[in-house]
């Protein structure tokens, strides 16, 4: 018995899904079968809109003929504003893309240019101080020998000793500078520049999403304007449940008219 209940439940679920699909298709087309040989047509324009023109009751139409026209002026105004929004969003995306490309170039520039230059400058500074240190060592060695022989003064000896210490300190500073550059500054700078790239990329994606939303709204307005011209979904004669002559106000989802096939009971002659 439980298996029968499961089958009944599945069958009901499938039927509900089919009914939902049919309803969705009818909503998109604006027409709904309401009886044999008769099709209901509903207003698919959002909000309240004024009827501009409509065919008279009982008029004969073919499939695709315009039965009534709704006033699209408000929608056109909104579309003009939305066009400006879309252009602004496109400019934002373009600017964000350029910022991201610049950030990427900054990483490449540092890795392949700035760092190499700084490293070479530090290496040159080390070699220079090494050379100056070697000369200072030679000078001090000579001064000490001359001092021992009495040819130079104590002041000269002290001066050369201070010069040697100064050159050793300069070499240590240059070597430390190189270590900091290679072990810390390079990594820190690359991480900072890479973070800027990720930030720029996230900003670009956000701007792109904003552009897609703006374009979607623009597309919907264009579709709504097209829907202001309501065509007959089939051939037959026009029948109104409620008169909708020029100047009438209709709302979204309202039944506009029916198309009744010729020969159907209740069809009116023109």
C-alpha atoms as a PDB file:
ATOM      1  CA  UNK A   1       0.000   0.000   0.000  1.00  0.00           C
ATOM      2  CA  UNK A   2       2.883   2.325   0.824  1.00  0.00           C
ATOM      3  CA  UNK A   3       4.349   1.741  -2.651  1.00  0.00           C
ATOM      4  CA  UNK A   4       1.024   2.797  -4.190  1.00  0.00           C
ATOM      5  CA  UNK A   5       1.101   5.972  -2.136  1.00  0.00           C
ATOM      6  CA  UNK A   6       4.642   6.687  -3.335  1.00  0.00           C
ATOM      7  CA  UNK A   7       3.563   6.203  -6.960  1.00  0.00           C
ATOM      8  CA  UNK A   8       0.600   8.517  -6.413  1.00  0.00           C
ATOM      9  CA  UNK A   9       2.882  11.118  -4.837  1.00  0.00           C
ATOM     10  CA  UNK A  10       5.364  10.945  -7.704  1.00  0.00           C
ATOM     11  CA  UNK A  11       2.559  11.202 -10.220  1.00  0.00           C
ATOM     12  CA  UNK A  12       1.162  14.266  -8.493  1.00  0.00           C
ATOM     13  CA  UNK A  13       4.626  15.831  -8.394  1.00  0.00           C
ATOM     14  CA  UNK A  14       5.186  15.248 -12.118  1.00  0.00           C
ATOM     15  CA  UNK A  15       1.775  16.671 -12.907  1.00  0.00           C
ATOM     16  CA  UNK A  16       2.557  19.756 -10.844  1.00  0.00           C
ATOM     17  CA  UNK A  17       5.858  20.243 -12.682  1.00  0.00           C
ATOM     18  CA  UNK A  18       4.134  19.925 -16.065  1.00  0.00           C
ATOM     19  CA  UNK A  19       1.448  22.399 -15.002  1.00  0.00           C
ATOM     20  CA  UNK A  20       4.133  24.825 -13.876  1.00  0.00           C
ATOM     21  CA  UNK A  21       5.988  24.531 -17.197  1.00  0.00           C
ATOM     22  CA  UNK A  22       2.780  25.140 -19.146  1.00  0.00           C
ATOM     23  CA  UNK A  23       1.946  28.170 -16.996  1.00  0.00           C
ATOM     24  CA  UNK A  24       5.444  29.583 -17.520  1.00  0.00           C
ATOM     25  CA  UNK A  25       5.201  29.156 -21.288  1.00  0.00           C
ATOM     26  CA  UNK A  26       1.792  30.839 -21.289  1.00  0.00           C
ATOM     27  CA  UNK A  27       3.112  33.718 -19.208  1.00  0.00           C
ATOM     28  CA  UNK A  28       5.976  34.293 -21.654  1.00  0.00           C
ATOM     29  CA  UNK A  29       3.752  34.255 -24.725  1.00  0.00           C
ATOM     30  CA  UNK A  30       0.987  36.308 -23.130  1.00  0.00           C
ATOM     31  CA  UNK A  31      -1.639  33.919 -24.522  1.00  0.00           C
ATOM     32  CA  UNK A  32      -3.474  31.149 -22.705  1.00  0.00           C
ATOM     33  CA  UNK A  33      -5.918  28.554 -24.043  1.00  0.00           C
ATOM     34  CA  UNK A  34      -9.192  29.287 -22.281  1.00  0.00           C
ATOM     35  CA  UNK A  35     -11.399  26.906 -24.169  1.00  0.00           C
ATOM     36  CA  UNK A  36     -11.696  25.062 -27.425  1.00  0.00           C
ATOM     37  CA  UNK A  37     -11.048  27.495 -30.293  1.00  0.00           C
ATOM     38  CA  UNK A  38     -10.369  30.430 -27.968  1.00  0.00           C
ATOM     39  CA  UNK A  39      -7.132  32.046 -26.704  1.00  0.00           C
ATOM     40  CA  UNK A  40      -6.866  34.570 -23.850  1.00  0.00           C
ATOM     41  CA  UNK A  41      -4.249  37.315 -24.163  1.00  0.00           C
ATOM     42  CA  UNK A  42      -2.967  39.066 -21.034  1.00  0.00           C
ATOM     43  CA  UNK A  43      -0.997  42.275 -20.535  1.00  0.00           C
ATOM     44  CA  UNK A  44       2.690  41.421 -19.974  1.00  0.00           C
ATOM     45  CA  UNK A  45       3.894  45.031 -19.498  1.00  0.00           C
ATOM     46  CA  UNK A  46       4.829  45.838 -15.889  1.00  0.00           C
ATOM     47  CA  UNK A  47       2.794  48.304 -13.869  1.00  0.00           C
ATOM     48  CA  UNK A  48      -0.116  50.352 -15.176  1.00  0.00           C
ATOM     49  CA  UNK A  49      -0.109  51.507 -18.790  1.00  0.00           C
ATOM     50  CA  UNK A  50      -2.496  53.437 -21.037  1.00  0.00           C
ATOM     51  CA  UNK A  51      -4.043  51.906 -24.144  1.00  0.00           C
ATOM     52  CA  UNK A  52      -3.286  53.944 -27.285  1.00  0.00           C
ATOM     53  CA  UNK A  53      -5.266  52.021 -29.901  1.00  0.00           C
ATOM     54  CA  UNK A  54      -7.308  48.816 -30.019  1.00  0.00           C
ATOM     55  CA  UNK A  55      -9.256  46.942 -32.661  1.00  0.00           C
ATOM     56  CA  UNK A  56     -13.023  46.935 -32.357  1.00  0.00           C
ATOM     57  CA  UNK A  57     -14.953  44.063 -30.837  1.00  0.00           C
ATOM     58  CA  UNK A  58     -15.489  41.237 -33.340  1.00  0.00           C
ATOM     59  CA  UNK A  59     -12.728  42.403 -35.730  1.00  0.00           C
ATOM     60  CA  UNK A  60     -11.163  39.607 -37.777  1.00  0.00           C
ATOM     61  CA  UNK A  61      -7.409  39.170 -37.272  1.00  0.00           C
ATOM     62  CA  UNK A  62      -4.711  36.832 -38.453  1.00  0.00           C
ATOM     63  CA  UNK A  63      -1.946  35.451 -36.291  1.00  0.00           C
ATOM     64  CA  UNK A  64       0.634  38.212 -35.680  1.00  0.00           C
ATOM     65  CA  UNK A  65      -1.738  41.138 -36.379  1.00  0.00           C
ATOM     66  CA  UNK A  66      -1.521  43.980 -33.845  1.00  0.00           C
ATOM     67  CA  UNK A  67      -4.737  44.037 -31.808  1.00  0.00           C
ATOM     68  CA  UNK A  68      -3.927  46.828 -29.375  1.00  0.00           C
ATOM     69  CA  UNK A  69      -1.070  49.191 -28.659  1.00  0.00           C
ATOM     70  CA  UNK A  70      -0.024  50.351 -25.203  1.00  0.00           C
ATOM     71  CA  UNK A  71       1.691  53.667 -24.516  1.00  0.00           C
ATOM     72  CA  UNK A  72       5.485  53.036 -24.318  1.00  0.00           C
ATOM     73  CA  UNK A  73       6.486  56.662 -23.584  1.00  0.00           C
ATOM     74  CA  UNK A  74       7.336  56.084 -19.904  1.00  0.00           C
ATOM     75  CA  UNK A  75       9.281  52.951 -20.809  1.00  0.00           C
ATOM     76  CA  UNK A  76      11.183  54.869 -23.493  1.00  0.00           C
ATOM     77  CA  UNK A  77      12.121  57.545 -20.962  1.00  0.00           C
ATOM     78  CA  UNK A  78      13.362  54.878 -18.576  1.00  0.00           C
ATOM     79  CA  UNK A  79      15.271  53.217 -21.417  1.00  0.00           C
ATOM     80  CA  UNK A  80      17.000  56.505 -22.299  1.00  0.00           C
ATOM     81  CA  UNK A  81      18.124  56.825 -18.667  1.00  0.00           C
ATOM     82  CA  UNK A  82      19.192  53.179 -18.602  1.00  0.00           C
ATOM     83  CA  UNK A  83      21.239  53.666 -21.781  1.00  0.00           C
ATOM     84  CA  UNK A  84      23.234  56.319 -19.925  1.00  0.00           C
ATOM     85  CA  UNK A  85      23.674  53.937 -16.981  1.00  0.00           C
ATOM     86  CA  UNK A  86      24.948  51.228 -19.334  1.00  0.00           C
ATOM     87  CA  UNK A  87      27.447  53.579 -20.975  1.00  0.00           C
ATOM     88  CA  UNK A  88      28.685  54.671 -17.555  1.00  0.00           C
ATOM     89  CA  UNK A  89      29.020  51.033 -16.472  1.00  0.00           C
ATOM     90  CA  UNK A  90      30.945  50.241 -19.658  1.00  0.00           C
ATOM     91  CA  UNK A  91      33.328  53.115 -18.915  1.00  0.00           C
ATOM     92  CA  UNK A  92      33.761  51.822 -15.354  1.00  0.00           C
ATOM     93  CA  UNK A  93      34.627  48.348 -16.648  1.00  0.00           C
ATOM     94  CA  UNK A  94      37.106  49.830 -19.131  1.00  0.00           C
ATOM     95  CA  UNK A  95      38.764  51.880 -16.384  1.00  0.00           C
ATOM     96  CA  UNK A  96      38.890  48.883 -14.020  1.00  0.00           C
ATOM     97  CA  UNK A  97      40.401  46.729 -16.766  1.00  0.00           C
ATOM     98  CA  UNK A  98      43.137  49.306 -17.416  1.00  0.00           C
ATOM     99  CA  UNK A  99      43.848  49.554 -13.661  1.00  0.00           C
ATOM    100  CA  UNK A 100      44.199  45.770 -13.457  1.00  0.00           C
ATOM    101  CA  UNK A 101      46.512  45.681 -16.487  1.00  0.00           C
ATOM    102  CA  UNK A 102      48.643  48.466 -14.980  1.00  0.00           C
ATOM    103  CA  UNK A 103      48.860  46.525 -11.708  1.00  0.00           C
ATOM    104  CA  UNK A 104      50.014  43.417 -13.604  1.00  0.00           C
ATOM    105  CA  UNK A 105      52.626  45.471 -15.454  1.00  0.00           C
ATOM    106  CA  UNK A 106      53.859  46.868 -12.130  1.00  0.00           C
ATOM    107  CA  UNK A 107      54.655  43.314 -10.951  1.00  0.00           C
ATOM    108  CA  UNK A 108      56.524  42.538 -14.158  1.00  0.00           C
ATOM    109  CA  UNK A 109      58.314  45.896 -14.060  1.00  0.00           C
ATOM    110  CA  UNK A 110      59.575  45.266 -10.531  1.00  0.00           C
ATOM    111  CA  UNK A 111      60.641  41.657 -11.117  1.00  0.00           C
ATOM    112  CA  UNK A 112      62.305  42.234 -14.460  1.00  0.00           C
ATOM    113  CA  UNK A 113      63.432  45.844 -14.072  1.00  0.00           C
ATOM    114  CA  UNK A 114      63.450  47.641 -10.737  1.00  0.00           C
ATOM    115  CA  UNK A 115      64.685  44.724  -8.625  1.00  0.00           C
ATOM    116  CA  UNK A 116      67.432  43.853 -11.091  1.00  0.00           C
ATOM    117  CA  UNK A 117      68.588  47.493 -11.100  1.00  0.00           C
ATOM    118  CA  UNK A 118      68.541  47.718  -7.307  1.00  0.00           C
ATOM    119  CA  UNK A 119      70.396  44.412  -6.997  1.00  0.00           C
ATOM    120  CA  UNK A 120      73.036  45.511  -9.508  1.00  0.00           C
ATOM    121  CA  UNK A 121      73.462  48.835  -7.702  1.00  0.00           C
ATOM    122  CA  UNK A 122      73.925  47.024  -4.383  1.00  0.00           C
ATOM    123  CA  UNK A 123      76.444  44.639  -5.925  1.00  0.00           C
ATOM    124  CA  UNK A 124      78.359  47.614  -7.355  1.00  0.00           C
ATOM    125  CA  UNK A 125      78.325  49.315  -3.979  1.00  0.00           C
ATOM    126  CA  UNK A 126      79.755  46.177  -2.326  1.00  0.00           C
ATOM    127  CA  UNK A 127      82.545  45.858  -4.902  1.00  0.00           C
ATOM    128  CA  UNK A 128      83.406  49.540  -4.513  1.00  0.00           C
ATOM    129  CA  UNK A 129      83.603  49.335  -0.729  1.00  0.00           C
ATOM    130  CA  UNK A 130      85.638  46.125  -0.983  1.00  0.00           C
ATOM    131  CA  UNK A 131      88.099  47.940  -3.238  1.00  0.00           C
ATOM    132  CA  UNK A 132      88.291  50.917  -0.892  1.00  0.00           C
ATOM    133  CA  UNK A 133      88.765  48.572   2.077  1.00  0.00           C
ATOM    134  CA  UNK A 134      91.671  46.806   0.347  1.00  0.00           C
ATOM    135  CA  UNK A 135      93.340  50.170  -0.337  1.00  0.00           C
ATOM    136  CA  UNK A 136      92.776  51.256   3.259  1.00  0.00           C
ATOM    137  CA  UNK A 137      94.343  48.022   4.519  1.00  0.00           C
ATOM    138  CA  UNK A 138      97.375  48.519   2.290  1.00  0.00           C
ATOM    139  CA  UNK A 139      97.654  52.154   3.348  1.00  0.00           C
ATOM    140  CA  UNK A 140      97.473  51.296   7.041  1.00  0.00           C
ATOM    141  CA  UNK A 141     100.034  48.514   6.654  1.00  0.00           C
ATOM    142  CA  UNK A 142     102.447  50.945   5.001  1.00  0.00           C
ATOM    143  CA  UNK A 143     101.763  53.657   7.602  1.00  0.00           C
ATOM    144  CA  UNK A 144     102.447  51.274  10.483  1.00  0.00           C
ATOM    145  CA  UNK A 145     105.767  50.221   8.999  1.00  0.00           C
ATOM    146  CA  UNK A 146     106.724  53.838   8.400  1.00  0.00           C
ATOM    147  CA  UNK A 147     105.625  54.746  11.921  1.00  0.00           C
ATOM    148  CA  UNK A 148     107.814  52.004  13.365  1.00  0.00           C
ATOM    149  CA  UNK A 149     110.736  53.495  11.458  1.00  0.00           C
ATOM    150  CA  UNK A 150     109.834  56.998  12.558  1.00  0.00           C
ATOM    151  CA  UNK A 151     108.898  58.329   9.125  1.00  0.00           C
ATOM    152  CA  UNK A 152     105.229  59.034   9.893  1.00  0.00           C
ATOM    153  CA  UNK A 153     103.452  60.601  12.828  1.00  0.00           C
ATOM    154  CA  UNK A 154     101.030  58.982  15.242  1.00  0.00           C
ATOM    155  CA  UNK A 155      98.252  61.182  13.867  1.00  0.00           C
ATOM    156  CA  UNK A 156      98.712  59.746  10.368  1.00  0.00           C
ATOM    157  CA  UNK A 157      98.634  56.228  11.800  1.00  0.00           C
ATOM    158  CA  UNK A 158      95.423  56.947  13.748  1.00  0.00           C
ATOM    159  CA  UNK A 159      93.812  58.567  10.702  1.00  0.00           C
ATOM    160  CA  UNK A 160      94.515  55.523   8.521  1.00  0.00           C
ATOM    161  CA  UNK A 161      93.195  53.205  11.240  1.00  0.00           C
ATOM    162  CA  UNK A 162      89.935  55.201  11.378  1.00  0.00           C
ATOM    163  CA  UNK A 163      89.683  55.126   7.575  1.00  0.00           C
ATOM    164  CA  UNK A 164      90.023  51.331   7.650  1.00  0.00           C
ATOM    165  CA  UNK A 165      87.280  51.005  10.254  1.00  0.00           C
ATOM    166  CA  UNK A 166      85.046  53.316   8.242  1.00  0.00           C
ATOM    167  CA  UNK A 167      85.530  51.215   5.078  1.00  0.00           C
ATOM    168  CA  UNK A 168      84.806  47.981   6.961  1.00  0.00           C
ATOM    169  CA  UNK A 169      81.594  49.493   8.317  1.00  0.00           C
ATOM    170  CA  UNK A 170      80.604  50.659   4.812  1.00  0.00           C
ATOM    171  CA  UNK A 171      81.136  47.123   3.480  1.00  0.00           C
ATOM    172  CA  UNK A 172      78.995  45.644   6.245  1.00  0.00           C
ATOM    173  CA  UNK A 173      76.271  48.168   5.473  1.00  0.00           C
ATOM    174  CA  UNK A 174      76.353  47.340   1.754  1.00  0.00           C
ATOM    175  CA  UNK A 175      76.219  43.593   2.462  1.00  0.00           C
ATOM    176  CA  UNK A 176      73.298  44.073   4.861  1.00  0.00           C
ATOM    177  CA  UNK A 177      71.523  46.182   2.265  1.00  0.00           C
ATOM    178  CA  UNK A 178      71.901  43.364  -0.249  1.00  0.00           C
ATOM    179  CA  UNK A 179      70.574  40.777   2.211  1.00  0.00           C
ATOM    180  CA  UNK A 180      67.559  42.902   3.086  1.00  0.00           C
ATOM    181  CA  UNK A 181      66.851  43.504  -0.604  1.00  0.00           C
ATOM    182  CA  UNK A 182      67.035  39.822  -1.560  1.00  0.00           C
ATOM    183  CA  UNK A 183      65.521  38.212   1.532  1.00  0.00           C
ATOM    184  CA  UNK A 184      62.865  40.750   2.550  1.00  0.00           C
ATOM    185  CA  UNK A 185      62.258  43.750   0.299  1.00  0.00           C
ATOM    186  CA  UNK A 186      61.834  41.681  -2.863  1.00  0.00           C
ATOM    187  CA  UNK A 187      59.270  39.330  -1.285  1.00  0.00           C
ATOM    188  CA  UNK A 188      57.422  42.173   0.459  1.00  0.00           C
ATOM    189  CA  UNK A 189      57.233  44.287  -2.685  1.00  0.00           C
ATOM    190  CA  UNK A 190      56.084  41.414  -4.891  1.00  0.00           C
ATOM    191  CA  UNK A 191      53.370  40.476  -2.376  1.00  0.00           C
ATOM    192  CA  UNK A 192      52.186  44.081  -2.195  1.00  0.00           C
ATOM    193  CA  UNK A 193      52.116  44.419  -5.977  1.00  0.00           C
ATOM    194  CA  UNK A 194      50.387  41.054  -6.373  1.00  0.00           C
ATOM    195  CA  UNK A 195      47.812  42.109  -3.781  1.00  0.00           C
ATOM    196  CA  UNK A 196      47.179  45.246  -5.820  1.00  0.00           C
ATOM    197  CA  UNK A 197      46.590  43.030  -8.856  1.00  0.00           C
ATOM    198  CA  UNK A 198      44.054  40.907  -6.957  1.00  0.00           C
ATOM    199  CA  UNK A 199      42.299  44.023  -5.668  1.00  0.00           C
ATOM    200  CA  UNK A 200      42.157  45.470  -9.174  1.00  0.00           C
ATOM    201  CA  UNK A 201      40.860  42.171 -10.538  1.00  0.00           C
ATOM    202  CA  UNK A 202      38.127  42.001  -7.883  1.00  0.00           C
ATOM    203  CA  UNK A 203      37.143  45.590  -8.671  1.00  0.00           C
ATOM    204  CA  UNK A 204      37.018  44.768 -12.371  1.00  0.00           C
ATOM    205  CA  UNK A 205      34.790  41.732 -11.723  1.00  0.00           C
ATOM    206  CA  UNK A 206      32.487  43.872  -9.569  1.00  0.00           C
ATOM    207  CA  UNK A 207      32.267  46.496 -12.318  1.00  0.00           C
ATOM    208  CA  UNK A 208      31.621  43.755 -14.892  1.00  0.00           C
ATOM    209  CA  UNK A 209      28.800  42.372 -12.751  1.00  0.00           C
ATOM    210  CA  UNK A 210      27.337  45.879 -12.488  1.00  0.00           C
ATOM    211  CA  UNK A 211      27.513  46.223 -16.260  1.00  0.00           C
ATOM    212  CA  UNK A 212      25.720  42.901 -16.738  1.00  0.00           C
ATOM    213  CA  UNK A 213      22.946  44.020 -14.382  1.00  0.00           C
ATOM    214  CA  UNK A 214      22.634  47.331 -16.226  1.00  0.00           C
ATOM    215  CA  UNK A 215      22.472  45.563 -19.576  1.00  0.00           C
ATOM    216  CA  UNK A 216      19.905  43.104 -18.234  1.00  0.00           C
ATOM    217  CA  UNK A 217      17.708  45.991 -17.087  1.00  0.00           C
ATOM    218  CA  UNK A 218      18.214  47.660 -20.472  1.00  0.00           C
ATOM    219  CA  UNK A 219      17.242  44.478 -22.304  1.00  0.00           C
ATOM    220  CA  UNK A 220      14.143  44.075 -20.144  1.00  0.00           C
ATOM    221  CA  UNK A 221      13.016  47.629 -20.918  1.00  0.00           C
ATOM    222  CA  UNK A 222      13.488  47.003 -24.644  1.00  0.00           C
ATOM    223  CA  UNK A 223      11.437  43.810 -24.305  1.00  0.00           C
ATOM    224  CA  UNK A 224       8.734  45.695 -22.392  1.00  0.00           C
ATOM    225  CA  UNK A 225       8.565  48.313 -25.155  1.00  0.00           C
ATOM    226  CA  UNK A 226       8.138  45.569 -27.749  1.00  0.00           C
ATOM    227  CA  UNK A 227       5.359  44.064 -25.626  1.00  0.00           C
ATOM    228  CA  UNK A 228       3.429  47.323 -25.881  1.00  0.00           C
ATOM    229  CA  UNK A 229       2.331  46.147 -29.327  1.00  0.00           C
ATOM    230  CA  UNK A 230       0.064  43.227 -28.482  1.00  0.00           C
ATOM    231  CA  UNK A 231      -0.377  40.805 -31.367  1.00  0.00           C
ATOM    232  CA  UNK A 232      -2.933  38.098 -31.938  1.00  0.00           C
ATOM    233  CA  UNK A 233      -1.483  34.672 -31.072  1.00  0.00           C
ATOM    234  CA  UNK A 234      -3.860  33.009 -33.530  1.00  0.00           C
ATOM    235  CA  UNK A 235      -6.356  33.832 -36.259  1.00  0.00           C
ATOM    236  CA  UNK A 236      -9.951  34.568 -35.353  1.00  0.00           C
ATOM    237  CA  UNK A 237     -12.200  37.329 -34.090  1.00  0.00           C
ATOM    238  CA  UNK A 238     -11.550  39.718 -31.200  1.00  0.00           C
ATOM    239  CA  UNK A 239     -13.619  39.468 -28.082  1.00  0.00           C
ATOM    240  CA  UNK A 240     -13.236  41.724 -25.019  1.00  0.00           C
ATOM    241  CA  UNK A 241     -14.249  40.814 -21.477  1.00  0.00           C
ATOM    242  CA  UNK A 242     -13.992  44.522 -20.621  1.00  0.00           C
ATOM    243  CA  UNK A 243     -13.758  47.325 -23.195  1.00  0.00           C
ATOM    244  CA  UNK A 244     -10.190  48.641 -23.507  1.00  0.00           C
ATOM    245  CA  UNK A 245     -10.509  51.507 -25.932  1.00  0.00           C
ATOM    246  CA  UNK A 246      -7.981  54.317 -26.373  1.00  0.00           C
ATOM    247  CA  UNK A 247      -7.265  55.970 -23.023  1.00  0.00           C
ATOM    248  CA  UNK A 248      -8.117  52.950 -20.925  1.00  0.00           C
ATOM    249  CA  UNK A 249      -5.645  52.022 -18.198  1.00  0.00           C
ATOM    250  CA  UNK A 250      -4.586  48.379 -17.856  1.00  0.00           C
ATOM    251  CA  UNK A 251      -2.286  46.666 -15.381  1.00  0.00           C
ATOM    252  CA  UNK A 252       0.169  43.816 -15.709  1.00  0.00           C
ATOM    253  CA  UNK A 253      -1.487  40.409 -15.839  1.00  0.00           C
ATOM    254  CA  UNK A 254      -4.867  41.846 -16.851  1.00  0.00           C
ATOM    255  CA  UNK A 255      -6.873  40.018 -19.543  1.00  0.00           C
ATOM    256  CA  UNK A 256      -6.762  42.256 -22.618  1.00  0.00           C
ATOM    257  CA  UNK A 257      -8.786  40.280 -25.137  1.00  0.00           C
ATOM    258  CA  UNK A 258      -9.613  36.863 -26.486  1.00  0.00           C
ATOM    259  CA  UNK A 259      -9.149  35.536 -29.979  1.00  0.00           C
ATOM    260  CA  UNK A 260     -12.057  33.307 -30.860  1.00  0.00           C
ATOM    261  CA  UNK A 261     -11.656  31.030 -33.850  1.00  0.00           C
ATOM    262  CA  UNK A 262     -14.231  31.400 -36.636  1.00  0.00           C
ATOM    263  CA  UNK A 263     -17.132  29.044 -36.210  1.00  0.00           C
ATOM    264  CA  UNK A 264     -16.680  28.781 -32.449  1.00  0.00           C
ATOM    265  CA  UNK A 265     -19.835  29.237 -30.441  1.00  0.00           C
ATOM    266  CA  UNK A 266     -19.988  32.784 -29.156  1.00  0.00           C
ATOM    267  CA  UNK A 267     -17.773  34.211 -31.934  1.00  0.00           C
ATOM    268  CA  UNK A 268     -19.062  37.599 -33.102  1.00  0.00           C
ATOM    269  CA  UNK A 269     -19.147  38.755 -36.699  1.00  0.00           C
ATOM    270  CA  UNK A 270     -17.448  42.019 -37.551  1.00  0.00           C
END
